[in-house]
Amino acid sequence: MAAAIAERFDRVPTLDLRAFGRTVSLEGPRAALIAARHRLPAEYREAPGPAERSWSVRKDSRTEWAAVVQGDRLSLWPDVVAATEAVLSDLELWIAERARDRVFVHAGCVTVDGGAIVIPGRSMSGKSSLTAALVRAGAAYFSDEYAVLDRHGLVRPYPRPLSLRPADGIPARPVTAEEMGGKPGRGSARIRLVAFLRYDVAAGWRPESLTRAQTVLRLLDNTVAARTRPRTALAALERATEDTQALAGTRGDADVSAALLLSRLSS
């Protein structure tokens, strides 16, 4: 009995999750698991069972924490918060590439009057700050990381907290739509506007319109499963852009650009 009690207390806490048709597990300190539940969207539901892939957050030394996947060290971090974020980012990317009946595009996404504005871009491209500006301007928040397309080409919410960087050199912090005075989006929406905008304070607002073919190719370049499921990804993007306007270029201030996008959508 003593051995059983010792084993129970020595066991590392584990969180088993199922999302988008995939099952994963996360091990680590309870603080890391609690942070994961707050950070991941509601589609990640607890579901005991054999995991297809496992991640963990471990103390690697007196001063460093390791992000680990399938037993292999992914990276080292100075604190458990940063290590947890690294693990979750890798976990979400794995799910995004292998999701069943969904296609994930790296993009911010909001909705206005039932129509979606999608802002494709990788990390550090400025999509989160523009997404936040749109939410402050009254748009409903869908995501700042992935625009999730269903088989009909409709975009669905992926409402994890926005990841905003207050200033250069300061780590990003999670912020909910409600904390910004906004609201989360519900249901699904048809994409009405796609904006490939790169932040350039010197150039300012200088976008040009895109053809549908250009829009699909640019979206494909930001689609997680473009290489592993190209036919599925292309079919979803073609359906998603049936009635969509798109533009590409540079932008300046996020709030000013958000107002211009909303004006473009209404016109």
Protein backbone atom coordinates (compact mmCIF):
# COMPACT_ATOMS: atom_id res chain seq x y z
CA MET A 1 0.00 0.00 0.00
CA ALA A 2 2.86 2.37 0.84
CA ALA A 3 4.35 1.71 -2.61
CA ALA A 4 1.02 2.55 -4.26
CA ILE A 5 0.79 5.82 -2.33
CA ALA A 6 4.36 6.74 -3.27
CA GLU A 7 3.68 5.94 -6.94
CA ARG A 8 0.58 8.16 -6.88
CA PHE A 9 2.52 11.14 -5.54
CA ASP A 10 5.52 10.54 -7.85
CA ARG A 11 3.36 10.46 -10.97
CA VAL A 12 3.69 13.53 -13.19
CA PRO A 13 0.33 15.25 -13.76
CA THR A 14 -0.99 14.62 -17.27
CA LEU A 15 -3.63 16.37 -19.36
CA ASP A 16 -5.19 14.22 -22.11
CA LEU A 17 -6.92 16.24 -24.82
CA ARG A 18 -8.84 15.66 -28.03
CA ALA A 19 -9.25 18.36 -30.67
CA PHE A 20 -10.15 18.36 -34.36
CA GLY A 21 -10.15 14.57 -34.48
CA ARG A 22 -6.72 14.15 -32.83
CA THR A 23 -5.71 13.00 -29.35
CA VAL A 24 -2.67 14.39 -27.54
CA SER A 25 -1.27 14.50 -24.02
CA LEU A 26 0.63 17.10 -22.02
CA GLU A 27 2.69 16.43 -18.90
CA GLY A 28 4.16 18.96 -16.51
CA PRO A 29 3.69 20.91 -13.29
CA ARG A 30 0.09 21.64 -12.39
CA ALA A 31 0.69 25.32 -13.07
CA ALA A 32 1.63 24.46 -16.68
CA LEU A 33 -1.46 22.30 -17.15
CA ILE A 34 -3.75 24.98 -15.72
CA ALA A 35 -2.15 27.55 -18.03
CA ALA A 36 -2.71 25.19 -20.98
CA ARG A 37 -6.43 24.88 -20.23
CA HIS A 38 -6.76 28.68 -20.13
CA ARG A 39 -4.63 29.17 -23.24
CA LEU A 40 -6.10 26.54 -25.57
CA PRO A 41 -9.48 27.08 -27.27
CA ALA A 42 -12.59 25.27 -26.05
CA GLU A 43 -12.27 22.75 -28.92
CA TYR A 44 -9.52 21.09 -26.87
CA ARG A 45 -11.56 18.83 -24.61
CA GLU A 46 -10.28 16.49 -21.94
CA ALA A 47 -10.54 12.94 -23.26
CA PRO A 48 -8.67 10.08 -21.56
CA GLY A 49 -7.23 7.57 -23.96
CA PRO A 50 -4.10 6.64 -25.88
CA ALA A 51 -2.43 9.78 -27.24
CA GLU A 52 -1.08 9.99 -30.77
CA ARG A 53 1.65 12.36 -29.59
CA SER A 54 2.86 13.63 -26.22
CA TRP A 55 4.50 16.82 -24.95
CA SER A 56 5.92 17.72 -21.57
CA VAL A 57 7.36 20.60 -19.58
CA ARG A 58 10.29 19.52 -17.39
CA LYS A 59 12.86 21.09 -15.11
CA ASP A 60 16.14 20.60 -16.95
CA SER A 61 18.52 22.29 -14.51
CA ARG A 62 18.40 24.63 -11.55
CA THR A 63 17.74 27.58 -13.86
CA GLU A 64 16.20 26.14 -17.05
CA TRP A 65 13.01 24.43 -18.15
CA ALA A 66 12.76 22.11 -21.14
CA ALA A 67 9.99 21.85 -23.72
CA VAL A 68 9.88 18.18 -24.69
CA VAL A 69 8.06 16.33 -27.48
CA GLN A 70 7.93 12.52 -27.69
CA GLY A 71 10.72 12.35 -25.12
CA ASP A 72 13.08 14.57 -27.15
CA ARG A 73 14.04 18.04 -25.94
CA LEU A 74 12.57 20.70 -28.20
CA SER A 75 14.09 23.78 -26.56
CA LEU A 76 15.29 25.28 -23.27
CA TRP A 77 13.70 28.26 -21.50
CA PRO A 78 14.47 30.37 -18.43
CA ASP A 79 11.08 29.74 -16.77
CA VAL A 80 8.13 27.37 -16.79
CA VAL A 81 5.83 29.94 -18.44
CA ALA A 82 8.02 30.26 -21.54
CA ALA A 83 8.55 26.48 -21.74
CA THR A 84 4.79 25.91 -21.53
CA GLU A 85 4.17 28.42 -24.31
CA ALA A 86 6.74 26.68 -26.53
CA VAL A 87 5.11 23.31 -25.92
CA LEU A 88 1.62 24.63 -26.65
CA SER A 89 2.73 26.32 -29.87
CA ASP A 90 4.27 23.08 -31.13
CA LEU A 91 1.22 21.08 -30.04
CA GLU A 92 -1.17 23.44 -31.82
CA LEU A 93 0.93 23.36 -34.99
CA TRP A 94 0.88 19.55 -34.98
CA ILE A 95 -2.91 19.54 -34.59
CA ALA A 96 -3.28 22.20 -37.30
CA GLU A 97 -1.35 20.12 -39.82
CA ARG A 98 -3.33 16.93 -39.13
CA ALA A 99 -6.81 18.19 -38.24
CA ARG A 100 -9.70 16.17 -39.63
CA ASP A 101 -12.27 18.06 -41.75
CA ARG A 102 -10.54 21.40 -41.13
CA VAL A 103 -7.86 23.45 -42.90
CA PHE A 104 -5.77 25.83 -40.80
CA VAL A 105 -4.38 29.05 -42.26
CA HIS A 106 -1.85 31.18 -40.35
CA ALA A 107 -3.98 34.29 -39.98
CA GLY A 108 -5.80 36.65 -37.71
CA CYS A 109 -9.56 36.65 -38.18
CA VAL A 110 -12.51 38.82 -37.09
CA THR A 111 -16.12 39.13 -38.23
CA VAL A 112 -18.27 42.17 -39.00
CA ASP A 113 -22.00 41.81 -39.70
CA GLY A 114 -21.58 38.10 -40.37
CA GLY A 115 -18.67 38.49 -42.80
CA ALA A 116 -15.06 37.64 -41.98
CA ILE A 117 -11.87 39.66 -42.44
CA VAL A 118 -8.81 37.40 -42.64
CA ILE A 119 -5.28 38.74 -42.10
CA PRO A 120 -2.76 36.06 -43.15
CA GLY A 121 0.81 36.15 -41.85
CA ARG A 122 3.40 34.27 -39.86
CA SER A 123 4.51 35.16 -36.34
CA MET A 124 5.96 38.68 -35.91
CA SER A 125 4.22 39.87 -39.11
CA GLY A 126 1.94 42.29 -37.23
CA LYS A 127 -1.28 40.30 -37.71
CA SER A 128 -2.04 40.20 -33.96
CA SER A 129 -1.79 43.98 -33.53
CA LEU A 130 -4.06 44.55 -36.55
CA THR A 131 -6.51 41.91 -35.32
CA ALA A 132 -6.59 43.62 -31.92
CA ALA A 133 -7.23 46.99 -33.56
CA LEU A 134 -10.18 45.54 -35.47
CA VAL A 135 -11.60 44.11 -32.24
CA ARG A 136 -11.25 47.52 -30.56
CA ALA A 137 -13.08 49.01 -33.54
CA GLY A 138 -16.07 46.72 -32.94
CA ALA A 139 -15.32 43.52 -34.87
CA ALA A 140 -15.99 40.14 -33.22
CA TYR A 141 -12.85 38.15 -32.44
CA PHE A 142 -12.27 34.77 -34.09
CA SER A 143 -8.48 34.26 -33.80
CA ASP A 144 -5.06 35.89 -33.97
CA GLU A 145 -3.23 32.71 -35.00
CA TYR A 146 -5.34 30.44 -37.22
CA ALA A 147 -8.25 30.98 -39.57
CA VAL A 148 -9.92 27.56 -39.47
CA LEU A 149 -11.82 26.57 -42.64
CA ASP A 150 -14.44 23.84 -42.75
CA ARG A 151 -15.33 21.67 -45.76
CA HIS A 152 -17.71 24.33 -47.05
CA GLY A 153 -15.03 27.04 -47.05
CA LEU A 154 -16.55 28.82 -44.06
CA VAL A 155 -14.22 30.15 -41.38
CA ARG A 156 -14.79 29.11 -37.77
CA PRO A 157 -13.53 30.56 -34.47
CA TYR A 158 -10.23 29.54 -32.90
CA PRO A 159 -10.57 31.89 -29.92
CA ARG A 160 -7.38 31.50 -27.96
CA PRO A 161 -6.27 34.73 -26.20
CA LEU A 162 -4.53 37.27 -28.42
CA SER A 163 -0.74 37.31 -28.09
CA LEU A 164 0.26 40.97 -27.86
CA ARG A 165 3.74 42.43 -27.41
CA PRO A 166 3.55 45.72 -25.44
CA ALA A 167 6.98 46.92 -26.62
CA ASP A 168 10.23 45.76 -28.16
CA GLY A 169 12.00 43.22 -26.00
CA ILE A 170 9.00 42.58 -23.77
CA PRO A 171 7.50 39.07 -24.05
CA ALA A 172 4.04 38.72 -25.53
CA ARG A 173 1.18 38.44 -23.08
CA PRO A 174 -2.22 36.78 -23.57
CA VAL A 175 -5.18 39.17 -23.75
CA THR A 176 -8.82 38.17 -24.21
CA ALA A 177 -11.21 40.04 -26.49
CA GLU A 178 -13.25 41.03 -23.44
CA GLU A 179 -10.20 42.60 -21.79
CA MET A 180 -9.93 44.90 -24.82
CA GLY A 181 -13.58 45.83 -24.63
CA GLY A 182 -14.46 43.52 -27.52
CA LYS A 183 -16.42 40.32 -27.92
CA PRO A 184 -15.72 36.78 -29.15
CA GLY A 185 -17.27 35.59 -32.39
CA ARG A 186 -19.65 32.64 -32.68
CA GLY A 187 -20.65 30.14 -35.35
CA SER A 188 -19.20 30.33 -38.86
CA ALA A 189 -18.75 33.08 -41.42
CA ARG A 190 -18.07 33.57 -45.10
CA ILE A 191 -14.79 35.35 -45.83
CA ARG A 192 -15.48 38.79 -47.33
CA LEU A 193 -12.03 40.38 -47.19
CA VAL A 194 -8.49 39.01 -47.13
CA ALA A 195 -5.73 41.48 -46.29
CA PHE A 196 -2.07 40.56 -46.82
CA LEU A 197 -0.59 43.60 -45.09
CA ARG A 198 2.99 44.09 -43.94
CA TYR A 199 3.70 46.72 -41.30
CA ASP A 200 5.90 49.49 -42.71
CA VAL A 201 5.66 52.81 -40.92
CA ALA A 202 7.58 54.63 -43.67
CA ALA A 203 5.49 53.34 -46.57
CA GLY A 204 2.17 53.52 -44.71
CA TRP A 205 -1.10 52.41 -46.30
CA ARG A 206 -0.25 51.19 -49.82
CA PRO A 207 -2.27 48.08 -50.71
CA GLU A 208 -3.23 46.81 -54.17
CA SER A 209 -6.15 44.58 -55.15
CA LEU A 210 -5.53 40.89 -55.92
CA THR A 211 -7.22 38.52 -58.33
CA ARG A 212 -8.87 35.42 -56.95
CA ALA A 213 -6.04 33.21 -58.26
CA GLN A 214 -3.44 35.42 -56.54
CA THR A 215 -5.48 35.31 -53.34
CA VAL A 216 -5.68 31.51 -53.33
CA LEU A 217 -1.94 31.12 -53.97
CA ARG A 218 -1.03 33.57 -51.20
CA LEU A 219 -3.41 31.84 -48.78
CA LEU A 220 -1.92 28.47 -49.73
CA ASP A 221 1.51 29.81 -48.80
CA ASN A 222 0.13 30.46 -45.29
CA THR A 223 -1.74 27.15 -44.99
CA VAL A 224 -0.29 24.70 -42.48
CA ALA A 225 -1.20 21.53 -44.42
CA ALA A 226 -0.24 22.89 -47.86
CA ARG A 227 2.46 20.23 -48.29
CA THR A 228 0.92 17.31 -46.44
CA ARG A 229 -2.68 17.71 -47.73
CA PRO A 230 -2.40 19.95 -50.80
CA ARG A 231 -5.63 18.84 -52.53
CA THR A 232 -7.73 19.25 -49.40
CA ALA A 233 -6.16 22.62 -48.65
CA LEU A 234 -6.61 23.93 -52.19
CA ALA A 235 -10.24 22.80 -52.37
CA ALA A 236 -11.06 24.56 -49.08
CA LEU A 237 -9.33 27.77 -50.19
CA GLU A 238 -11.15 27.80 -53.53
CA ARG A 239 -14.51 27.48 -51.77
CA ALA A 240 -13.51 30.09 -49.19
CA THR A 241 -12.70 32.73 -51.83
CA GLU A 242 -15.80 32.39 -54.02
CA ASP A 243 -17.11 35.83 -52.99
CA THR A 244 -14.04 37.51 -51.50
CA GLN A 245 -12.13 40.70 -52.19
CA ALA A 246 -8.42 40.76 -51.36
CA LEU A 247 -5.58 43.23 -51.16
CA ALA A 248 -1.85 43.12 -50.47
CA GLY A 249 0.77 45.71 -49.59
CA THR A 250 1.98 47.73 -46.66
CA ARG A 251 0.24 49.42 -43.76
CA GLY A 252 1.09 51.89 -41.03
CA ASP A 253 -0.64 52.38 -37.68
CA ALA A 254 -2.86 49.42 -36.71
CA ASP A 255 -5.88 51.48 -35.61
CA VAL A 256 -5.81 53.61 -38.76
CA SER A 257 -5.43 50.48 -40.91
CA ALA A 258 -8.32 48.78 -39.10
CA ALA A 259 -10.60 51.75 -39.91
CA LEU A 260 -9.55 51.58 -43.57
CA LEU A 261 -10.25 47.86 -43.73
CA LEU A 262 -13.69 48.28 -42.22
CA SER A 263 -14.43 51.04 -44.71
CA ARG A 264 -13.25 48.80 -47.56
CA LEU A 265 -15.49 45.98 -46.33
CA SER A 266 -18.59 48.19 -46.05
CA SER A 267 -18.08 49.53 -49.56
